[in-house]
N, C-alpha and C. Protein backbone atom coordinates (compact mmCIF):
# COMPACT_ATOMS: atom_id res chain seq x y z
N MET A 1 102.15 90.46 112.51
CA MET A 1 101.34 91.45 111.83
C MET A 1 102.14 91.97 110.65
N ASP A 2 101.68 91.68 109.45
CA ASP A 2 102.37 92.07 108.23
C ASP A 2 101.75 93.36 107.72
N GLU A 3 102.43 94.46 107.97
CA GLU A 3 101.88 95.77 107.65
C GLU A 3 102.52 96.31 106.38
N SER A 4 101.93 95.92 105.25
CA SER A 4 102.30 96.47 103.94
C SER A 4 103.74 96.18 103.53
N THR A 5 104.22 94.96 103.77
CA THR A 5 105.57 94.63 103.32
C THR A 5 105.58 94.45 101.80
N THR A 6 106.77 94.54 101.23
CA THR A 6 106.90 94.40 99.78
C THR A 6 107.39 93.01 99.39
N PHE A 7 107.46 92.09 100.35
CA PHE A 7 107.87 90.71 100.07
C PHE A 7 106.91 89.76 100.76
N ASP A 8 107.01 88.46 100.49
CA ASP A 8 106.10 87.46 101.03
C ASP A 8 106.55 87.04 102.43
N VAL A 9 105.93 87.61 103.44
CA VAL A 9 106.30 87.32 104.83
C VAL A 9 106.02 85.86 105.17
N GLU A 10 104.93 85.32 104.66
CA GLU A 10 104.59 83.93 104.98
C GLU A 10 105.69 82.97 104.55
N LYS A 11 106.30 83.24 103.40
CA LYS A 11 107.39 82.40 102.92
C LYS A 11 108.60 82.48 103.86
N VAL A 12 108.89 83.70 104.35
CA VAL A 12 110.00 83.88 105.28
C VAL A 12 109.72 83.14 106.58
N VAL A 13 108.49 83.25 107.09
CA VAL A 13 108.12 82.59 108.34
C VAL A 13 108.26 81.07 108.19
N GLU A 14 107.87 80.52 107.05
CA GLU A 14 107.98 79.08 106.81
C GLU A 14 109.42 78.60 106.94
N GLU A 15 110.37 79.42 106.54
CA GLU A 15 111.78 79.04 106.62
C GLU A 15 112.24 78.79 108.05
N PHE A 16 111.58 79.42 109.03
CA PHE A 16 111.95 79.22 110.42
C PHE A 16 111.38 77.94 111.00
N MET A 17 110.45 77.32 110.31
CA MET A 17 109.83 76.06 110.72
C MET A 17 109.27 76.12 112.14
N LEU A 18 108.62 77.22 112.46
CA LEU A 18 107.98 77.35 113.76
C LEU A 18 106.66 76.58 113.75
N ARG A 19 106.30 76.03 114.90
CA ARG A 19 105.11 75.19 114.95
C ARG A 19 103.83 75.93 114.60
N ARG A 20 103.65 77.11 115.16
CA ARG A 20 102.40 77.82 114.91
C ARG A 20 102.64 79.32 114.88
N VAL A 21 102.53 79.87 113.70
CA VAL A 21 102.64 81.31 113.53
C VAL A 21 101.50 81.75 112.63
N ASP A 22 100.70 82.67 113.09
CA ASP A 22 99.63 83.24 112.27
C ASP A 22 100.13 84.56 111.70
N VAL A 23 100.14 84.67 110.38
CA VAL A 23 100.51 85.93 109.74
C VAL A 23 99.21 86.65 109.39
N VAL A 24 99.05 87.84 109.94
CA VAL A 24 97.86 88.64 109.68
C VAL A 24 98.30 89.81 108.81
N LYS A 25 97.79 89.87 107.59
CA LYS A 25 98.17 90.94 106.66
C LYS A 25 97.24 92.12 106.84
N VAL A 26 97.85 93.29 107.00
CA VAL A 26 97.11 94.53 107.14
C VAL A 26 97.69 95.50 106.12
N ASN A 27 96.98 95.73 105.05
CA ASN A 27 97.46 96.67 104.03
C ASN A 27 97.04 98.08 104.41
N VAL A 28 98.03 98.94 104.53
CA VAL A 28 97.78 100.32 104.96
C VAL A 28 98.21 101.25 103.83
N SER A 29 97.27 102.07 103.39
CA SER A 29 97.58 103.02 102.32
C SER A 29 98.36 104.20 102.90
N PRO A 30 99.10 104.94 102.05
CA PRO A 30 99.79 106.14 102.54
C PRO A 30 98.83 107.15 103.17
N GLU A 31 97.62 107.26 102.62
CA GLU A 31 96.64 108.20 103.19
C GLU A 31 96.23 107.77 104.59
N GLU A 32 95.97 106.47 104.77
CA GLU A 32 95.58 105.99 106.09
C GLU A 32 96.74 106.13 107.07
N ARG A 33 97.96 105.90 106.59
CA ARG A 33 99.15 106.02 107.44
C ARG A 33 99.31 107.44 107.97
N SER A 34 98.85 108.43 107.21
CA SER A 34 98.99 109.82 107.64
C SER A 34 97.89 110.24 108.61
N ARG A 35 96.86 109.40 108.80
CA ARG A 35 95.76 109.74 109.70
C ARG A 35 95.81 109.01 111.03
N ARG A 36 96.44 107.84 111.05
CA ARG A 36 96.49 107.09 112.30
C ARG A 36 97.79 106.30 112.37
N ASN A 37 98.11 105.85 113.54
CA ASN A 37 99.36 105.13 113.76
C ASN A 37 99.16 103.65 113.42
N PRO A 38 99.72 103.16 112.31
CA PRO A 38 99.51 101.76 111.94
C PRO A 38 100.16 100.77 112.90
N VAL A 39 101.26 101.16 113.55
CA VAL A 39 101.87 100.27 114.54
C VAL A 39 100.88 100.01 115.67
N SER A 40 100.24 101.06 116.17
CA SER A 40 99.25 100.90 117.24
C SER A 40 98.05 100.09 116.77
N ALA A 41 97.58 100.37 115.56
CA ALA A 41 96.44 99.62 115.02
C ALA A 41 96.78 98.13 114.92
N ASN A 42 98.00 97.83 114.46
CA ASN A 42 98.43 96.43 114.37
C ASN A 42 98.49 95.79 115.74
N MET A 43 99.05 96.50 116.71
CA MET A 43 99.14 95.96 118.06
C MET A 43 97.75 95.71 118.65
N ASN A 44 96.82 96.63 118.44
CA ASN A 44 95.47 96.44 118.97
C ASN A 44 94.78 95.24 118.32
N THR A 45 95.00 95.06 117.01
CA THR A 45 94.43 93.89 116.34
C THR A 45 95.02 92.62 116.92
N ALA A 46 96.33 92.59 117.09
CA ALA A 46 96.99 91.41 117.65
C ALA A 46 96.51 91.13 119.07
N LEU A 47 96.41 92.17 119.91
CA LEU A 47 95.98 91.98 121.29
C LEU A 47 94.55 91.44 121.36
N SER A 48 93.71 91.82 120.41
CA SER A 48 92.33 91.32 120.41
C SER A 48 92.26 89.84 120.03
N MET A 49 93.33 89.30 119.44
CA MET A 49 93.36 87.90 119.00
C MET A 49 93.98 86.97 120.04
N ILE A 50 94.60 87.51 121.08
CA ILE A 50 95.33 86.70 122.06
C ILE A 50 94.43 86.45 123.27
N SER A 51 94.37 85.20 123.71
CA SER A 51 93.48 84.89 124.82
C SER A 51 94.21 84.45 126.08
N GLU A 52 95.49 84.06 125.99
CA GLU A 52 96.20 83.61 127.18
C GLU A 52 97.71 83.71 126.95
N GLY A 53 98.46 83.61 128.04
CA GLY A 53 99.91 83.58 127.93
C GLY A 53 100.55 84.94 128.17
N LEU A 54 101.71 85.13 127.54
CA LEU A 54 102.49 86.35 127.68
C LEU A 54 102.52 87.10 126.34
N VAL A 55 102.67 88.41 126.42
CA VAL A 55 102.69 89.25 125.23
C VAL A 55 104.00 90.03 125.19
N CYS A 56 104.64 90.02 124.03
CA CYS A 56 105.78 90.89 123.78
C CYS A 56 105.71 91.29 122.31
N SER A 57 106.40 92.35 121.95
CA SER A 57 106.34 92.79 120.56
C SER A 57 107.73 93.11 120.06
N LEU A 58 107.90 92.91 118.76
CA LEU A 58 109.19 93.14 118.13
C LEU A 58 108.95 93.65 116.73
N CYS A 59 109.63 94.72 116.36
CA CYS A 59 109.53 95.24 115.00
C CYS A 59 110.54 94.53 114.12
N ASP A 60 110.39 94.69 112.83
CA ASP A 60 111.18 93.92 111.87
C ASP A 60 112.66 94.29 111.83
N ASP A 61 113.04 95.38 112.48
CA ASP A 61 114.45 95.77 112.44
C ASP A 61 115.17 95.51 113.75
N ASP A 62 114.58 94.74 114.66
CA ASP A 62 115.18 94.41 115.95
C ASP A 62 115.20 92.89 116.11
N TYR A 63 115.87 92.40 117.17
CA TYR A 63 115.80 90.96 117.42
C TYR A 63 115.95 90.65 118.90
N PHE A 64 115.30 89.55 119.30
CA PHE A 64 115.37 89.07 120.68
C PHE A 64 116.62 88.21 120.87
N TYR A 65 117.15 88.24 122.09
CA TYR A 65 118.21 87.29 122.44
C TYR A 65 117.58 85.91 122.59
N PRO A 66 118.30 84.85 122.24
CA PRO A 66 117.71 83.51 122.25
C PRO A 66 117.29 83.01 123.63
N THR A 67 117.82 83.57 124.70
CA THR A 67 117.45 83.11 126.05
C THR A 67 116.33 83.93 126.69
N TRP A 68 115.86 84.97 125.98
CA TRP A 68 114.91 85.91 126.58
C TRP A 68 113.57 85.26 126.91
N PHE A 69 113.00 84.48 126.03
CA PHE A 69 111.67 83.91 126.28
C PHE A 69 111.68 82.98 127.49
N ALA A 70 112.72 82.16 127.61
CA ALA A 70 112.82 81.26 128.77
C ALA A 70 112.95 82.06 130.06
N ALA A 71 113.76 83.12 130.03
CA ALA A 71 113.94 83.95 131.23
C ALA A 71 112.64 84.65 131.61
N ALA A 72 111.94 85.19 130.62
CA ALA A 72 110.67 85.87 130.90
C ALA A 72 109.63 84.90 131.44
N SER A 73 109.52 83.74 130.82
CA SER A 73 108.55 82.73 131.28
C SER A 73 108.84 82.31 132.71
N ARG A 74 110.13 82.09 133.01
CA ARG A 74 110.54 81.69 134.35
C ARG A 74 110.17 82.78 135.37
N HIS A 75 110.39 84.05 134.99
CA HIS A 75 110.07 85.16 135.89
C HIS A 75 108.58 85.14 136.27
N PHE A 76 107.71 84.97 135.30
CA PHE A 76 106.27 85.00 135.59
C PHE A 76 105.81 83.75 136.34
N GLU A 77 106.48 82.64 136.12
CA GLU A 77 106.16 81.44 136.91
C GLU A 77 106.56 81.64 138.37
N GLU A 78 107.71 82.26 138.58
CA GLU A 78 108.21 82.48 139.95
C GLU A 78 107.50 83.64 140.65
N HIS A 79 106.88 84.54 139.88
CA HIS A 79 106.21 85.72 140.45
C HIS A 79 104.77 85.80 139.90
N PRO A 80 103.89 84.95 140.37
CA PRO A 80 102.52 84.94 139.82
C PRO A 80 101.75 86.24 140.04
N ASP A 81 102.22 87.08 140.97
CA ASP A 81 101.56 88.37 141.21
C ASP A 81 102.03 89.46 140.24
N HIS A 82 103.11 89.23 139.49
CA HIS A 82 103.60 90.22 138.53
C HIS A 82 102.79 90.12 137.24
N GLN A 83 102.40 91.27 136.73
CA GLN A 83 101.62 91.32 135.49
C GLN A 83 102.43 91.88 134.32
N ALA A 84 103.48 92.65 134.60
CA ALA A 84 104.29 93.26 133.55
C ALA A 84 105.75 93.27 134.00
N ALA A 85 106.66 93.09 133.03
CA ALA A 85 108.08 93.05 133.34
C ALA A 85 108.88 93.57 132.14
N PHE A 86 110.19 93.70 132.32
CA PHE A 86 111.05 94.17 131.24
C PHE A 86 112.44 93.59 131.43
N GLY A 87 113.15 93.42 130.31
CA GLY A 87 114.53 92.94 130.33
C GLY A 87 115.47 94.03 129.86
N ILE A 88 116.71 93.65 129.61
CA ILE A 88 117.73 94.60 129.19
C ILE A 88 117.63 94.83 127.69
N LEU A 89 117.51 96.08 127.30
CA LEU A 89 117.49 96.47 125.90
C LEU A 89 118.90 96.94 125.54
N ASN A 90 119.41 96.46 124.43
CA ASN A 90 120.75 96.84 123.97
C ASN A 90 120.61 97.51 122.60
N TYR A 91 121.07 98.74 122.48
CA TYR A 91 121.00 99.47 121.22
C TYR A 91 122.17 99.09 120.31
N SER A 92 121.92 99.14 119.01
CA SER A 92 122.98 98.91 118.04
C SER A 92 122.82 99.87 116.88
N LYS A 93 123.92 100.50 116.48
CA LYS A 93 123.93 101.34 115.29
C LYS A 93 124.59 100.60 114.12
N ASP A 94 124.93 99.36 114.34
CA ASP A 94 125.60 98.55 113.33
C ASP A 94 124.61 98.16 112.24
N PRO A 95 124.87 98.46 110.97
CA PRO A 95 123.92 98.10 109.91
C PRO A 95 123.75 96.59 109.76
N GLU A 96 124.71 95.81 110.24
CA GLU A 96 124.59 94.35 110.20
C GLU A 96 123.91 93.80 111.45
N MET A 97 123.50 94.68 112.34
CA MET A 97 122.79 94.34 113.57
C MET A 97 123.63 93.52 114.54
N ARG A 98 124.94 93.64 114.46
CA ARG A 98 125.77 92.99 115.48
C ARG A 98 125.56 93.73 116.79
N MET A 99 125.67 93.02 117.87
CA MET A 99 125.46 93.62 119.18
C MET A 99 126.57 94.62 119.48
N SER A 100 126.16 95.80 119.91
CA SER A 100 127.16 96.77 120.35
C SER A 100 127.55 96.41 121.78
N PRO A 101 128.73 96.83 122.22
CA PRO A 101 129.14 96.51 123.60
C PRO A 101 128.13 97.06 124.59
N LEU A 102 127.97 96.37 125.70
CA LEU A 102 127.05 96.81 126.73
C LEU A 102 127.66 97.96 127.52
N THR A 103 127.47 99.16 127.01
CA THR A 103 127.94 100.35 127.69
C THR A 103 126.73 101.05 128.29
N GLN A 104 126.96 102.06 129.08
CA GLN A 104 125.83 102.80 129.65
C GLN A 104 124.99 103.41 128.53
N TRP A 105 125.64 103.92 127.47
CA TRP A 105 124.87 104.48 126.36
C TRP A 105 124.11 103.38 125.63
N GLY A 106 124.72 102.23 125.47
CA GLY A 106 124.17 101.21 124.59
C GLY A 106 123.11 100.32 125.20
N ARG A 107 122.61 100.63 126.37
CA ARG A 107 121.57 99.78 126.93
C ARG A 107 120.55 100.58 127.73
N ARG A 108 119.40 99.96 127.95
CA ARG A 108 118.34 100.58 128.74
C ARG A 108 117.83 99.53 129.72
N PHE A 109 117.95 99.84 131.01
CA PHE A 109 117.49 98.91 132.04
C PHE A 109 117.40 99.65 133.37
N PHE A 110 116.51 99.19 134.24
CA PHE A 110 116.37 99.73 135.58
C PHE A 110 116.38 98.54 136.54
N TYR A 111 117.00 98.72 137.68
CA TYR A 111 117.13 97.63 138.66
C TYR A 111 116.01 97.64 139.69
N HIS A 112 114.96 98.35 139.42
CA HIS A 112 113.84 98.47 140.35
C HIS A 112 112.54 98.45 139.55
N PRO A 113 111.42 98.14 140.20
CA PRO A 113 110.14 98.21 139.47
C PRO A 113 109.90 99.63 138.96
N VAL A 114 109.34 99.72 137.78
CA VAL A 114 109.05 101.00 137.15
C VAL A 114 107.54 101.24 137.21
N THR A 115 107.16 102.34 137.82
CA THR A 115 105.74 102.68 137.92
C THR A 115 105.35 103.81 136.97
N ASP A 116 106.34 104.48 136.40
CA ASP A 116 106.10 105.53 135.41
C ASP A 116 106.93 105.20 134.17
N PRO A 117 106.42 104.29 133.31
CA PRO A 117 107.24 103.77 132.20
C PRO A 117 107.34 104.67 130.98
N PHE A 118 106.58 105.77 130.93
CA PHE A 118 106.56 106.62 129.75
C PHE A 118 107.96 107.13 129.41
N CYS A 119 108.41 106.85 128.19
CA CYS A 119 109.74 107.23 127.70
C CYS A 119 110.89 106.62 128.50
N LYS A 120 110.60 105.61 129.31
CA LYS A 120 111.65 104.89 130.03
C LYS A 120 111.80 103.49 129.49
N LEU A 121 110.68 102.83 129.21
CA LEU A 121 110.72 101.47 128.70
C LEU A 121 110.32 101.45 127.24
N ASP A 122 110.94 100.57 126.49
CA ASP A 122 110.65 100.41 125.06
C ASP A 122 109.82 99.15 124.87
N HIS A 123 108.91 99.19 123.89
CA HIS A 123 108.02 98.04 123.69
C HIS A 123 108.77 96.74 123.44
N THR A 124 109.98 96.81 122.89
CA THR A 124 110.72 95.59 122.58
C THR A 124 111.26 94.90 123.83
N GLN A 125 111.43 95.62 124.93
CA GLN A 125 112.01 95.02 126.12
C GLN A 125 110.95 94.60 127.14
N VAL A 126 109.70 94.94 126.88
CA VAL A 126 108.62 94.66 127.83
C VAL A 126 107.90 93.36 127.47
N VAL A 127 107.51 92.65 128.49
CA VAL A 127 106.66 91.47 128.35
C VAL A 127 105.59 91.57 129.44
N HIS A 128 104.36 91.23 129.08
CA HIS A 128 103.29 91.29 130.09
C HIS A 128 102.31 90.16 129.87
N ARG A 129 101.53 89.90 130.88
CA ARG A 129 100.48 88.88 130.76
C ARG A 129 99.39 89.40 129.85
N VAL A 130 98.57 88.50 129.34
CA VAL A 130 97.41 88.91 128.55
C VAL A 130 96.40 89.54 129.50
N PHE A 131 95.90 90.70 129.14
CA PHE A 131 94.89 91.39 129.93
C PHE A 131 93.55 91.23 129.24
N ASN A 132 92.52 90.97 130.03
CA ASN A 132 91.18 90.81 129.46
C ASN A 132 90.21 91.69 130.25
N PRO A 133 89.72 92.77 129.64
CA PRO A 133 89.94 93.20 128.27
C PRO A 133 91.34 93.78 128.11
N PRO A 134 91.85 93.80 126.88
CA PRO A 134 93.20 94.32 126.67
C PRO A 134 93.26 95.84 126.82
N TYR A 135 94.38 96.31 127.31
CA TYR A 135 94.66 97.74 127.23
C TYR A 135 94.88 98.05 125.75
N ARG A 136 94.68 99.29 125.35
CA ARG A 136 94.79 99.64 123.93
C ARG A 136 95.93 100.61 123.67
N TRP A 137 96.62 100.39 122.56
CA TRP A 137 97.63 101.33 122.08
C TRP A 137 96.91 102.52 121.47
N PRO A 138 97.43 103.74 121.60
CA PRO A 138 96.77 104.91 121.01
C PRO A 138 96.97 104.93 119.50
N GLU A 139 95.89 105.07 118.77
CA GLU A 139 95.98 105.08 117.31
C GLU A 139 96.00 106.49 116.73
N GLU A 140 95.84 107.52 117.58
CA GLU A 140 95.86 108.89 117.10
C GLU A 140 97.24 109.22 116.54
N PHE A 141 97.25 109.92 115.42
CA PHE A 141 98.51 110.24 114.75
C PHE A 141 99.41 111.11 115.62
N ASP A 142 98.82 111.97 116.44
CA ASP A 142 99.64 112.87 117.25
C ASP A 142 100.44 112.13 118.33
N LYS A 143 100.16 110.83 118.51
CA LYS A 143 100.91 110.03 119.50
C LYS A 143 101.83 109.03 118.81
N ILE A 144 102.18 109.28 117.56
CA ILE A 144 102.95 108.32 116.77
C ILE A 144 104.39 108.15 117.26
N LYS A 145 104.94 109.16 117.91
CA LYS A 145 106.34 109.05 118.35
C LYS A 145 106.53 108.15 119.56
N GLU A 146 105.59 108.09 120.47
CA GLU A 146 105.72 107.30 121.69
C GLU A 146 104.47 106.47 121.98
N PRO A 147 103.96 105.70 121.02
CA PRO A 147 102.72 104.97 121.30
C PRO A 147 102.88 103.94 122.41
N ASP A 148 104.06 103.31 122.49
CA ASP A 148 104.26 102.34 123.56
C ASP A 148 104.26 103.02 124.92
N GLY A 149 104.77 104.24 125.00
CA GLY A 149 104.76 104.99 126.25
C GLY A 149 103.35 105.24 126.76
N TYR A 150 102.47 105.65 125.85
CA TYR A 150 101.07 105.87 126.24
C TYR A 150 100.39 104.56 126.64
N TYR A 151 100.70 103.50 125.91
CA TYR A 151 100.15 102.17 126.23
C TYR A 151 100.62 101.71 127.61
N PHE A 152 101.92 101.83 127.87
CA PHE A 152 102.46 101.41 129.15
C PHE A 152 101.94 102.28 130.29
N ARG A 153 101.69 103.55 130.00
CA ARG A 153 101.15 104.45 131.02
C ARG A 153 99.78 103.94 131.49
N GLU A 154 98.98 103.43 130.57
CA GLU A 154 97.67 102.87 130.93
C GLU A 154 97.83 101.63 131.80
N ILE A 155 98.74 100.74 131.40
CA ILE A 155 98.99 99.53 132.19
C ILE A 155 99.48 99.90 133.58
N ALA A 156 100.36 100.91 133.66
CA ALA A 156 100.97 101.31 134.94
C ALA A 156 99.96 101.89 135.92
N LYS A 157 98.79 102.27 135.45
CA LYS A 157 97.75 102.72 136.39
C LYS A 157 97.34 101.58 137.31
N ASP A 158 97.52 100.34 136.85
CA ASP A 158 97.12 99.16 137.62
C ASP A 158 98.27 98.25 138.01
N HIS A 159 99.39 98.31 137.27
CA HIS A 159 100.47 97.34 137.46
C HIS A 159 101.84 97.98 137.30
N ALA A 160 102.78 97.64 138.18
CA ALA A 160 104.17 98.06 138.02
C ALA A 160 104.86 97.15 137.01
N PHE A 161 105.93 97.64 136.42
CA PHE A 161 106.77 96.86 135.50
C PHE A 161 108.00 96.40 136.27
N HIS A 162 108.22 95.09 136.33
CA HIS A 162 109.27 94.51 137.16
C HIS A 162 110.50 94.14 136.33
N PRO A 163 111.70 94.36 136.88
CA PRO A 163 112.93 94.06 136.12
C PRO A 163 113.23 92.56 136.05
N ILE A 164 113.66 92.14 134.89
CA ILE A 164 114.21 90.79 134.68
C ILE A 164 115.64 91.02 134.22
N GLN A 165 116.60 90.68 135.04
CA GLN A 165 117.99 91.02 134.74
C GLN A 165 118.57 90.03 133.72
N GLU A 166 118.02 90.08 132.51
CA GLU A 166 118.45 89.23 131.39
C GLU A 166 118.44 90.07 130.13
N LEU A 167 119.34 89.77 129.20
CA LEU A 167 119.34 90.44 127.90
C LEU A 167 118.07 90.07 127.16
N ALA A 168 117.31 91.07 126.76
CA ALA A 168 116.03 90.84 126.09
C ALA A 168 116.14 91.05 124.58
N VAL A 169 116.65 92.20 124.17
CA VAL A 169 116.50 92.59 122.76
C VAL A 169 117.63 93.51 122.31
N VAL A 170 117.93 93.42 121.02
CA VAL A 170 118.79 94.40 120.37
C VAL A 170 117.89 95.28 119.53
N LYS A 171 117.94 96.57 119.78
CA LYS A 171 117.14 97.54 119.04
C LYS A 171 118.07 98.32 118.13
N ARG A 172 117.78 98.27 116.86
CA ARG A 172 118.63 98.93 115.88
C ARG A 172 118.27 100.40 115.74
N GLU A 173 119.24 101.26 115.84
CA GLU A 173 119.08 102.69 115.64
C GLU A 173 119.50 103.01 114.20
N HIS A 174 118.57 103.53 113.41
CA HIS A 174 118.88 103.84 112.02
C HIS A 174 117.96 104.96 111.52
N GLU A 175 118.31 105.53 110.38
CA GLU A 175 117.59 106.71 109.87
C GLU A 175 116.19 106.40 109.36
N LYS A 176 115.85 105.12 109.12
CA LYS A 176 114.52 104.79 108.63
C LYS A 176 113.52 104.51 109.75
N ALA A 177 113.96 104.59 110.98
CA ALA A 177 113.06 104.34 112.10
C ALA A 177 111.88 105.31 112.03
N LEU A 178 110.70 104.81 112.34
CA LEU A 178 109.49 105.62 112.20
C LEU A 178 109.54 106.91 113.00
N ARG A 179 110.12 106.88 114.19
CA ARG A 179 110.11 108.09 115.01
C ARG A 179 110.89 109.24 114.39
N TRP A 180 111.82 108.93 113.47
CA TRP A 180 112.58 109.99 112.79
C TRP A 180 111.90 110.44 111.50
N ASN A 181 110.79 109.80 111.13
CA ASN A 181 110.18 110.04 109.83
C ASN A 181 108.70 110.43 109.92
N VAL A 182 108.31 111.07 110.99
CA VAL A 182 106.91 111.44 111.17
C VAL A 182 106.41 112.32 110.03
N LYS A 183 107.20 113.30 109.62
CA LYS A 183 106.78 114.19 108.52
C LYS A 183 106.58 113.40 107.23
N ALA A 184 107.49 112.47 106.92
CA ALA A 184 107.37 111.66 105.71
C ALA A 184 106.17 110.72 105.77
N ILE A 185 105.82 110.26 106.96
CA ILE A 185 104.61 109.44 107.12
C ILE A 185 103.39 110.31 106.85
N GLU A 186 103.39 111.49 107.43
CA GLU A 186 102.25 112.40 107.31
C GLU A 186 101.99 112.81 105.87
N ASP A 187 103.04 113.08 105.10
CA ASP A 187 102.81 113.52 103.72
C ASP A 187 102.85 112.38 102.70
N GLY A 188 103.00 111.13 103.18
CA GLY A 188 102.90 109.97 102.29
C GLY A 188 104.16 109.65 101.50
N THR A 189 105.29 110.28 101.82
CA THR A 189 106.52 110.04 101.04
C THR A 189 107.40 108.96 101.64
N LEU A 190 107.04 108.41 102.79
CA LEU A 190 107.87 107.38 103.41
C LEU A 190 107.84 106.06 102.65
N GLU A 191 106.75 105.80 101.93
CA GLU A 191 106.58 104.50 101.27
C GLU A 191 107.80 104.07 100.47
N ALA A 192 108.42 104.97 99.73
CA ALA A 192 109.54 104.61 98.87
C ALA A 192 110.77 104.19 99.67
N SER A 193 110.84 104.59 100.92
CA SER A 193 112.04 104.28 101.70
C SER A 193 111.83 103.13 102.68
N ARG A 194 110.67 102.49 102.64
CA ARG A 194 110.39 101.42 103.61
C ARG A 194 111.29 100.21 103.35
N GLU A 195 111.67 99.53 104.43
CA GLU A 195 112.52 98.34 104.31
C GLU A 195 111.66 97.14 103.98
């Protein structure tokens, strides 16, 4: 989901030589950004386009570990009754996105199924089966700080989130992260600082 980038995402995707990647461009004006959560809107659009398989999400400032997809796929094959799972999230404050050491501060993981995922699990570490109909991310602006929490709370009404003891993702902590810039999103001044 290409949400108002200032460069040609399709050209970047081509460099990876992936077999099948659909780039969906969603241009969001500053006015629209101040009325609804574009991350949630993008996720809902993407979820409406998926018909089978597993779902995970990643923002442009984070990255998955190369073994994560195989580990997640294996987990769901071995546990056909599991509908949602999560791996180890590792935080990094390094501007070059090098992995920070796995310390208690630098990671997020639970060794048991999570039934109340709000503010416990991050969207980057979660993987779940395709739901039909899909659960929806909240698009209301007042839920912009924790949209994944509200989304996971809906899923958790029906399904627990199961641990996969594998490194899933590095999440970069930086000053341009949307959760630190709600006021700038609301008044339309964030555009100039977007990556």
